Amino acid sequence: MKQVDVTIPNRAGLHARPATKIVQITSAYPCETQLCYKGETANAKSIMGIIALGITYNETVTLITDGPGEEEAMEKLVQLFQQGFHDE
């Protein structure tokens, strides 16, 4: 299991476009992937689950991957967050 804290870099927070990009990455791997925010957890393969967390700008989110492909999936997710989802 891999666990990494990341900060939301884009001012609009995690809305539909970044959530879709997260799902595109996580769906390519068989591992379980979750986003945790303020005590709530969402399946990172669910756009609605991600959006429902209501994550805003500059907030910290914990990414968790567990299972086959967890390291590569985590690497791709961290890159996506660091690059600001190419959203701005």
PDB file of N, CA and C in Angstrom:
ATOM      1  N   MET A   1       0.848  -1.185   0.000  1.00  0.00           N
ATOM      2  CA  MET A   1       0.000   0.000   0.000  1.00  0.00           C
ATOM      3  C   MET A   1       0.889   1.242   0.000  1.00  0.00           C
ATOM      4  N   LYS A   2       0.541   2.201  -0.838  1.00  0.00           N
ATOM      5  CA  LYS A   2       1.237   3.480  -0.920  1.00  0.00           C
ATOM      6  C   LYS A   2       0.283   4.566  -0.453  1.00  0.00           C
ATOM      7  N   GLN A   3       0.830   5.544   0.259  1.00  0.00           N
ATOM      8  CA  GLN A   3       0.020   6.663   0.756  1.00  0.00           C
ATOM      9  C   GLN A   3       0.840   7.948   0.645  1.00  0.00           C
ATOM     10  N   VAL A   4       0.261   8.968  -0.004  1.00  0.00           N
ATOM     11  CA  VAL A   4       0.953  10.231  -0.213  1.00  0.00           C
ATOM     12  C   VAL A   4      -0.025  11.378   0.006  1.00  0.00           C
ATOM     13  N   ASP A   5       0.419  12.421   0.709  1.00  0.00           N
ATOM     14  CA  ASP A   5      -0.379  13.642   0.861  1.00  0.00           C
ATOM     15  C   ASP A   5      -0.011  14.610  -0.259  1.00  0.00           C
ATOM     16  N   VAL A   6      -1.027  15.176  -0.895  1.00  0.00           N
ATOM     17  CA  VAL A   6      -0.822  16.162  -1.953  1.00  0.00           C
ATOM     18  C   VAL A   6      -1.703  17.370  -1.668  1.00  0.00           C
ATOM     19  N   THR A   7      -1.328  18.504  -2.249  1.00  0.00           N
ATOM     20  CA  THR A   7      -2.090  19.736  -2.087  1.00  0.00           C
ATOM     21  C   THR A   7      -2.772  20.069  -3.405  1.00  0.00           C
ATOM     22  N   ILE A   8      -4.002  20.559  -3.325  1.00  0.00           N
ATOM     23  CA  ILE A   8      -4.750  20.934  -4.520  1.00  0.00           C
ATOM     24  C   ILE A   8      -4.195  22.262  -5.032  1.00  0.00           C
ATOM     25  N   PRO A   9      -3.557  22.254  -6.219  1.00  0.00           N
ATOM     26  CA  PRO A   9      -2.889  23.457  -6.706  1.00  0.00           C
ATOM     27  C   PRO A   9      -3.764  24.411  -7.513  1.00  0.00           C
ATOM     28  N   ASN A  10      -4.878  23.928  -8.035  1.00  0.00           N
ATOM     29  CA  ASN A  10      -5.684  24.805  -8.900  1.00  0.00           C
ATOM     30  C   ASN A  10      -6.774  25.506  -8.105  1.00  0.00           C
ATOM     31  N   ARG A  11      -7.005  26.759  -8.423  1.00  0.00           N
ATOM     32  CA  ARG A  11      -7.910  27.615  -7.660  1.00  0.00           C
ATOM     33  C   ARG A  11      -9.357  27.137  -7.652  1.00  0.00           C
ATOM     34  N   ALA A  12      -9.765  26.400  -8.657  1.00  0.00           N
ATOM     35  CA  ALA A  12     -11.147  25.921  -8.728  1.00  0.00           C
ATOM     36  C   ALA A  12     -11.363  24.649  -7.904  1.00  0.00           C
ATOM     37  N   GLY A  13     -10.318  24.095  -7.319  1.00  0.00           N
ATOM     38  CA  GLY A  13     -10.452  22.874  -6.528  1.00  0.00           C
ATOM     39  C   GLY A  13     -10.636  21.664  -7.421  1.00  0.00           C
ATOM     40  N   LEU A  14     -11.131  20.592  -6.824  1.00  0.00           N
ATOM     41  CA  LEU A  14     -11.346  19.359  -7.587  1.00  0.00           C
ATOM     42  C   LEU A  14     -12.770  19.330  -8.128  1.00  0.00           C
ATOM     43  N   HIS A  15     -12.947  19.861  -9.301  1.00  0.00           N
ATOM     44  CA  HIS A  15     -14.246  19.863  -9.971  1.00  0.00           C
ATOM     45  C   HIS A  15     -14.238  18.772 -11.045  1.00  0.00           C
ATOM     46  N   ALA A  16     -15.157  18.808 -11.972  1.00  0.00           N
ATOM     47  CA  ALA A  16     -15.354  17.719 -12.937  1.00  0.00           C
ATOM     48  C   ALA A  16     -14.131  17.432 -13.813  1.00  0.00           C
ATOM     49  N   ARG A  17     -13.480  18.455 -14.344  1.00  0.00           N
ATOM     50  CA  ARG A  17     -12.335  18.197 -15.234  1.00  0.00           C
ATOM     51  C   ARG A  17     -11.184  17.502 -14.519  1.00  0.00           C
ATOM     52  N   PRO A  18     -10.711  17.997 -13.378  1.00  0.00           N
ATOM     53  CA  PRO A  18      -9.638  17.271 -12.707  1.00  0.00           C
ATOM     54  C   PRO A  18     -10.087  15.900 -12.206  1.00  0.00           C
ATOM     55  N   ALA A  19     -11.336  15.797 -11.765  1.00  0.00           N
ATOM     56  CA  ALA A  19     -11.838  14.492 -11.309  1.00  0.00           C
ATOM     57  C   ALA A  19     -11.806  13.489 -12.456  1.00  0.00           C
ATOM     58  N   THR A  20     -12.159  13.938 -13.652  1.00  0.00           N
ATOM     59  CA  THR A  20     -12.123  13.060 -14.822  1.00  0.00           C
ATOM     60  C   THR A  20     -10.698  12.601 -15.107  1.00  0.00           C
ATOM     61  N   LYS A  21      -9.736  13.506 -14.975  1.00  0.00           N
ATOM     62  CA  LYS A  21      -8.335  13.148 -15.208  1.00  0.00           C
ATOM     63  C   LYS A  21      -7.847  12.132 -14.174  1.00  0.00           C
ATOM     64  N   ILE A  22      -8.283  12.286 -12.935  1.00  0.00           N
ATOM     65  CA  ILE A  22      -7.925  11.323 -11.887  1.00  0.00           C
ATOM     66  C   ILE A  22      -8.495   9.952 -12.242  1.00  0.00           C
ATOM     67  N   VAL A  23      -9.755   9.911 -12.642  1.00  0.00           N
ATOM     68  CA  VAL A  23     -10.413   8.644 -12.985  1.00  0.00           C
ATOM     69  C   VAL A  23      -9.746   8.003 -14.203  1.00  0.00           C
ATOM     70  N   GLN A  24      -9.347   8.794 -15.175  1.00  0.00           N
ATOM     71  CA  GLN A  24      -8.667   8.238 -16.351  1.00  0.00           C
ATOM     72  C   GLN A  24      -7.374   7.535 -15.950  1.00  0.00           C
ATOM     73  N   ILE A  25      -6.637   8.129 -15.042  1.00  0.00           N
ATOM     74  CA  ILE A  25      -5.398   7.500 -14.581  1.00  0.00           C
ATOM     75  C   ILE A  25      -5.691   6.259 -13.755  1.00  0.00           C
ATOM     76  N   THR A  26      -6.553   6.389 -12.756  1.00  0.00           N
ATOM     77  CA  THR A  26      -6.785   5.269 -11.836  1.00  0.00           C
ATOM     78  C   THR A  26      -7.449   4.081 -12.521  1.00  0.00           C
ATOM     79  N   SER A  27      -8.266   4.340 -13.514  1.00  0.00           N
ATOM     80  CA  SER A  27      -8.948   3.248 -14.219  1.00  0.00           C
ATOM     81  C   SER A  27      -7.987   2.404 -15.049  1.00  0.00           C
ATOM     82  N   ALA A  28      -6.810   2.914 -15.320  1.00  0.00           N
ATOM     83  CA  ALA A  28      -5.820   2.179 -16.106  1.00  0.00           C
ATOM     84  C   ALA A  28      -5.063   1.141 -15.264  1.00  0.00           C
ATOM     85  N   TYR A  29      -5.301   1.128 -13.959  1.00  0.00           N
ATOM     86  CA  TYR A  29      -4.579   0.228 -13.057  1.00  0.00           C
ATOM     87  C   TYR A  29      -5.556  -0.630 -12.257  1.00  0.00           C
ATOM     88  N   PRO A  30      -5.178  -1.889 -12.012  1.00  0.00           N
ATOM     89  CA  PRO A  30      -6.088  -2.779 -11.272  1.00  0.00           C
ATOM     90  C   PRO A  30      -6.114  -2.536  -9.761  1.00  0.00           C
ATOM     91  N   CYS A  31      -5.175  -1.732  -9.250  1.00  0.00           N
ATOM     92  CA  CYS A  31      -5.122  -1.509  -7.806  1.00  0.00           C
ATOM     93  C   CYS A  31      -6.316  -0.679  -7.327  1.00  0.00           C
ATOM     94  N   GLU A  32      -6.600  -0.806  -6.052  1.00  0.00           N
ATOM     95  CA  GLU A  32      -7.614   0.043  -5.434  1.00  0.00           C
ATOM     96  C   GLU A  32      -6.981   1.409  -5.192  1.00  0.00           C
ATOM     97  N   THR A  33      -7.749   2.460  -5.447  1.00  0.00           N
ATOM     98  CA  THR A  33      -7.230   3.812  -5.285  1.00  0.00           C
ATOM     99  C   THR A  33      -8.280   4.664  -4.587  1.00  0.00           C
ATOM    100  N   GLN A  34      -7.838   5.400  -3.570  1.00  0.00           N
ATOM    101  CA  GLN A  34      -8.766   6.220  -2.796  1.00  0.00           C
ATOM    102  C   GLN A  34      -8.217   7.620  -2.590  1.00  0.00           C
ATOM    103  N   LEU A  35      -9.131   8.568  -2.417  1.00  0.00           N
ATOM    104  CA  LEU A  35      -8.801   9.923  -1.990  1.00  0.00           C
ATOM    105  C   LEU A  35      -9.434  10.107  -0.624  1.00  0.00           C
ATOM    106  N   CYS A  36      -8.670  10.619   0.326  1.00  0.00           N
ATOM    107  CA  CYS A  36      -9.182  10.879   1.675  1.00  0.00           C
ATOM    108  C   CYS A  36      -9.060  12.365   1.970  1.00  0.00           C
ATOM    109  N   TYR A  37     -10.165  12.930   2.485  1.00  0.00           N
ATOM    110  CA  TYR A  37     -10.212  14.361   2.763  1.00  0.00           C
ATOM    111  C   TYR A  37     -11.132  14.619   3.936  1.00  0.00           C
ATOM    112  N   LYS A  38     -10.583  15.221   4.977  1.00  0.00           N
ATOM    113  CA  LYS A  38     -11.352  15.584   6.174  1.00  0.00           C
ATOM    114  C   LYS A  38     -12.193  14.424   6.712  1.00  0.00           C
ATOM    115  N   GLY A  39     -11.579  13.266   6.810  1.00  0.00           N
ATOM    116  CA  GLY A  39     -12.255  12.103   7.378  1.00  0.00           C
ATOM    117  C   GLY A  39     -13.156  11.336   6.426  1.00  0.00           C
ATOM    118  N   GLU A  40     -13.330  11.825   5.217  1.00  0.00           N
ATOM    119  CA  GLU A  40     -14.156  11.154   4.210  1.00  0.00           C
ATOM    120  C   GLU A  40     -13.246  10.494   3.179  1.00  0.00           C
ATOM    121  N   THR A  41     -13.689   9.364   2.640  1.00  0.00           N
ATOM    122  CA  THR A  41     -12.923   8.630   1.642  1.00  0.00           C
ATOM    123  C   THR A  41     -13.775   8.388   0.414  1.00  0.00           C
ATOM    124  N   ALA A  42     -13.144   8.538  -0.757  1.00  0.00           N
ATOM    125  CA  ALA A  42     -13.854   8.281  -2.014  1.00  0.00           C
ATOM    126  C   ALA A  42     -13.015   7.361  -2.882  1.00  0.00           C
ATOM    127  N   ASN A  43     -13.706   6.540  -3.655  1.00  0.00           N
ATOM    128  CA  ASN A  43     -13.063   5.714  -4.659  1.00  0.00           C
ATOM    129  C   ASN A  43     -12.541   6.653  -5.738  1.00  0.00           C
ATOM    130  N   ALA A  44     -11.245   6.592  -6.029  1.00  0.00           N
ATOM    131  CA  ALA A  44     -10.650   7.495  -7.013  1.00  0.00           C
ATOM    132  C   ALA A  44     -10.958   7.061  -8.446  1.00  0.00           C
ATOM    133  N   LYS A  45     -11.776   6.050  -8.601  1.00  0.00           N
ATOM    134  CA  LYS A  45     -12.233   5.625  -9.931  1.00  0.00           C
ATOM    135  C   LYS A  45     -13.669   6.096 -10.165  1.00  0.00           C
ATOM    136  N   SER A  46     -14.170   6.968  -9.289  1.00  0.00           N
ATOM    137  CA  SER A  46     -15.536   7.479  -9.368  1.00  0.00           C
ATOM    138  C   SER A  46     -15.533   9.004  -9.427  1.00  0.00           C
ATOM    139  N   ILE A  47     -15.926   9.555 -10.560  1.00  0.00           N
ATOM    140  CA  ILE A  47     -15.972  11.012 -10.707  1.00  0.00           C
ATOM    141  C   ILE A  47     -16.881  11.618  -9.643  1.00  0.00           C
ATOM    142  N   MET A  48     -18.061  11.067  -9.487  1.00  0.00           N
ATOM    143  CA  MET A  48     -19.010  11.617  -8.510  1.00  0.00           C
ATOM    144  C   MET A  48     -18.487  11.494  -7.084  1.00  0.00           C
ATOM    145  N   GLY A  49     -17.810  10.403  -6.779  1.00  0.00           N
ATOM    146  CA  GLY A  49     -17.236  10.235  -5.450  1.00  0.00           C
ATOM    147  C   GLY A  49     -16.199  11.298  -5.141  1.00  0.00           C
ATOM    148  N   ILE A  50     -15.355  11.594  -6.136  1.00  0.00           N
ATOM    149  CA  ILE A  50     -14.323  12.616  -5.968  1.00  0.00           C
ATOM    150  C   ILE A  50     -14.958  13.992  -5.788  1.00  0.00           C
ATOM    151  N   ILE A  51     -15.901  14.329  -6.659  1.00  0.00           N
ATOM    152  CA  ILE A  51     -16.552  15.643  -6.588  1.00  0.00           C
ATOM    153  C   ILE A  51     -17.303  15.811  -5.268  1.00  0.00           C
ATOM    154  N   ALA A  52     -17.920  14.739  -4.790  1.00  0.00           N
ATOM    155  CA  ALA A  52     -18.699  14.796  -3.550  1.00  0.00           C
ATOM    156  C   ALA A  52     -17.850  15.154  -2.335  1.00  0.00           C
ATOM    157  N   LEU A  53     -16.542  14.931  -2.411  1.00  0.00           N
ATOM    158  CA  LEU A  53     -15.682  15.299  -1.281  1.00  0.00           C
ATOM    159  C   LEU A  53     -15.588  16.815  -1.104  1.00  0.00           C
ATOM    160  N   GLY A  54     -15.867  17.571  -2.157  1.00  0.00           N
ATOM    161  CA  GLY A  54     -15.863  19.035  -2.051  1.00  0.00           C
ATOM    162  C   GLY A  54     -14.496  19.623  -1.742  1.00  0.00           C
ATOM    163  N   ILE A  55     -13.468  19.097  -2.375  1.00  0.00           N
ATOM    164  CA  ILE A  55     -12.101  19.520  -2.092  1.00  0.00           C
ATOM    165  C   ILE A  55     -11.811  20.851  -2.787  1.00  0.00           C
ATOM    166  N   THR A  56     -11.312  21.805  -2.030  1.00  0.00           N
ATOM    167  CA  THR A  56     -11.066  23.148  -2.551  1.00  0.00           C
ATOM    168  C   THR A  56      -9.572  23.452  -2.670  1.00  0.00           C
ATOM    169  N   TYR A  57      -9.283  24.613  -3.229  1.00  0.00           N
ATOM    170  CA  TYR A  57      -7.915  25.074  -3.458  1.00  0.00           C
ATOM    171  C   TYR A  57      -7.066  25.037  -2.192  1.00  0.00           C
ATOM    172  N   ASN A  58      -5.838  24.584  -2.377  1.00  0.00           N
ATOM    173  CA  ASN A  58      -4.809  24.588  -1.348  1.00  0.00           C
ATOM    174  C   ASN A  58      -5.091  23.648  -0.177  1.00  0.00           C
ATOM    175  N   GLU A  59      -6.052  22.769  -0.321  1.00  0.00           N
ATOM    176  CA  GLU A  59      -6.341  21.774   0.713  1.00  0.00           C
ATOM    177  C   GLU A  59      -5.451  20.548   0.500  1.00  0.00           C
ATOM    178  N   THR A  60      -5.202  19.814   1.563  1.00  0.00           N
ATOM    179  CA  THR A  60      -4.392  18.604   1.489  1.00  0.00           C
ATOM    180  C   THR A  60      -5.297  17.378   1.403  1.00  0.00           C
ATOM    181  N   VAL A  61      -4.942  16.493   0.482  1.00  0.00           N
ATOM    182  CA  VAL A  61      -5.682  15.260   0.233  1.00  0.00           C
ATOM    183  C   VAL A  61      -4.697  14.108   0.366  1.00  0.00           C
ATOM    184  N   THR A  62      -5.147  12.996   0.906  1.00  0.00           N
ATOM    185  CA  THR A  62      -4.314  11.811   0.975  1.00  0.00           C
ATOM    186  C   THR A  62      -4.710  10.870  -0.148  1.00  0.00           C
ATOM    187  N   LEU A  63      -3.727  10.477  -0.952  1.00  0.00           N
ATOM    188  CA  LEU A  63      -3.930   9.490  -2.011  1.00  0.00           C
ATOM    189  C   LEU A  63      -3.469   8.143  -1.485  1.00  0.00           C
ATOM    190  N   ILE A  64      -4.260   7.109  -1.735  1.00  0.00           N
ATOM    191  CA  ILE A  64      -3.903   5.757  -1.305  1.00  0.00           C
ATOM    192  C   ILE A  64      -4.073   4.820  -2.490  1.00  0.00           C
ATOM    193  N   THR A  65      -3.029   4.028  -2.765  1.00  0.00           N
ATOM    194  CA  THR A  65      -3.122   2.976  -3.770  1.00  0.00           C
ATOM    195  C   THR A  65      -2.741   1.670  -3.098  1.00  0.00           C
ATOM    196  N   ASP A  66      -3.427   0.602  -3.488  1.00  0.00           N
ATOM    197  CA  ASP A  66      -3.169  -0.692  -2.860  1.00  0.00           C
ATOM    198  C   ASP A  66      -3.446  -1.808  -3.858  1.00  0.00           C
ATOM    199  N   GLY A  67      -2.422  -2.580  -4.159  1.00  0.00           N
ATOM    200  CA  GLY A  67      -2.602  -3.718  -5.052  1.00  0.00           C
ATOM    201  C   GLY A  67      -1.679  -3.641  -6.257  1.00  0.00           C
ATOM    202  N   PRO A  68      -1.918  -4.505  -7.240  1.00  0.00           N
ATOM    203  CA  PRO A  68      -1.065  -4.541  -8.425  1.00  0.00           C
ATOM    204  C   PRO A  68      -1.037  -3.192  -9.141  1.00  0.00           C
ATOM    205  N   GLY A  69       0.168  -2.713  -9.435  1.00  0.00           N
ATOM    206  CA  GLY A  69       0.328  -1.444 -10.132  1.00  0.00           C
ATOM    207  C   GLY A  69       0.263  -0.232  -9.230  1.00  0.00           C
ATOM    208  N   GLU A  70       0.255  -0.439  -7.912  1.00  0.00           N
ATOM    209  CA  GLU A  70       0.079   0.685  -6.978  1.00  0.00           C
ATOM    210  C   GLU A  70       1.170   1.747  -7.097  1.00  0.00           C
ATOM    211  N   GLU A  71       2.416   1.323  -7.314  1.00  0.00           N
ATOM    212  CA  GLU A  71       3.505   2.294  -7.384  1.00  0.00           C
ATOM    213  C   GLU A  71       3.395   3.176  -8.620  1.00  0.00           C
ATOM    214  N   GLU A  72       3.140   2.582  -9.775  1.00  0.00           N
ATOM    215  CA  GLU A  72       3.021   3.358 -11.006  1.00  0.00           C
ATOM    216  C   GLU A  72       1.792   4.262 -10.972  1.00  0.00           C
ATOM    217  N   ALA A  73       0.686   3.728 -10.443  1.00  0.00           N
ATOM    218  CA  ALA A  73      -0.535   4.539 -10.336  1.00  0.00           C
ATOM    219  C   ALA A  73      -0.287   5.748  -9.434  1.00  0.00           C
ATOM    220  N   MET A  74       0.389   5.534  -8.311  1.00  0.00           N
ATOM    221  CA  MET A  74       0.678   6.642  -7.400  1.00  0.00           C
ATOM    222  C   MET A  74       1.578   7.663  -8.068  1.00  0.00           C
ATOM    223  N   GLU A  75       2.586   7.195  -8.786  1.00  0.00           N
ATOM    224  CA  GLU A  75       3.492   8.111  -9.475  1.00  0.00           C
ATOM    225  C   GLU A  75       2.736   8.992 -10.464  1.00  0.00           C
ATOM    226  N   LYS A  76       1.844   8.400 -11.242  1.00  0.00           N
ATOM    227  CA  LYS A  76       1.064   9.159 -12.226  1.00  0.00           C
ATOM    228  C   LYS A  76       0.130  10.157 -11.537  1.00  0.00           C
ATOM    229  N   LEU A  77      -0.494   9.750 -10.436  1.00  0.00           N
ATOM    230  CA  LEU A  77      -1.395  10.639  -9.711  1.00  0.00           C
ATOM    231  C   LEU A  77      -0.643  11.836  -9.121  1.00  0.00           C
ATOM    232  N   VAL A  78       0.485  11.573  -8.505  1.00  0.00           N
ATOM    233  CA  VAL A  78       1.272  12.655  -7.903  1.00  0.00           C
ATOM    234  C   VAL A  78       1.710  13.641  -8.988  1.00  0.00           C
ATOM    235  N   GLN A  79       2.131  13.138 -10.133  1.00  0.00           N
ATOM    236  CA  GLN A  79       2.505  14.012 -11.254  1.00  0.00           C
ATOM    237  C   GLN A  79       1.325  14.888 -11.670  1.00  0.00           C
ATOM    238  N   LEU A  80       0.149  14.292 -11.758  1.00  0.00           N
ATOM    239  CA  LEU A  80      -1.046  15.037 -12.152  1.00  0.00           C
ATOM    240  C   LEU A  80      -1.311  16.190 -11.186  1.00  0.00           C
ATOM    241  N   PHE A  81      -1.239  15.920  -9.897  1.00  0.00           N
ATOM    242  CA  PHE A  81      -1.453  16.966  -8.895  1.00  0.00           C
ATOM    243  C   PHE A  81      -0.358  18.032  -8.974  1.00  0.00           C
ATOM    244  N   GLN A  82       0.890  17.615  -9.119  1.00  0.00           N
ATOM    245  CA  GLN A  82       1.991  18.563  -9.188  1.00  0.00           C
ATOM    246  C   GLN A  82       1.890  19.470 -10.414  1.00  0.00           C
ATOM    247  N   GLN A  83       1.315  18.954 -11.493  1.00  0.00           N
ATOM    248  CA  GLN A  83       1.180  19.730 -12.727  1.00  0.00           C
ATOM    249  C   GLN A  83      -0.110  20.557 -12.745  1.00  0.00           C
ATOM    250  N   GLY A  84      -0.838  20.550 -11.650  1.00  0.00           N
ATOM    251  CA  GLY A  84      -2.041  21.356 -11.552  1.00  0.00           C
ATOM    252  C   GLY A  84      -3.158  20.906 -12.462  1.00  0.00           C
ATOM    253  N   PHE A  85      -3.149  19.633 -12.843  1.00  0.00           N
ATOM    254  CA  PHE A  85      -4.195  19.029 -13.697  1.00  0.00           C
ATOM    255  C   PHE A  85      -4.236  19.666 -15.078  1.00  0.00           C
ATOM    256  N   HIS A  86      -3.247  20.474 -15.415  1.00  0.00           N
ATOM    257  CA  HIS A  86      -3.248  21.214 -16.701  1.00  0.00           C
ATOM    258  C   HIS A  86      -4.564  21.971 -16.838  1.00  0.00           C
ATOM    259  N   ASP A  87      -5.063  22.479 -15.706  1.00  0.00           N
ATOM    260  CA  ASP A  87      -6.418  23.043 -15.661  1.00  0.00           C
ATOM    261  C   ASP A  87      -6.442  24.557 -15.769  1.00  0.00           C
ATOM    262  N   GLU A  88      -5.320  25.199 -15.573  1.00  0.00           N
ATOM    263  CA  GLU A  88      -5.345  26.669 -15.594  1.00  0.00           C
ATOM    264  C   GLU A  88      -4.531  27.210 -16.738  1.00  0.00           C
TER     265      GLU A  88
END
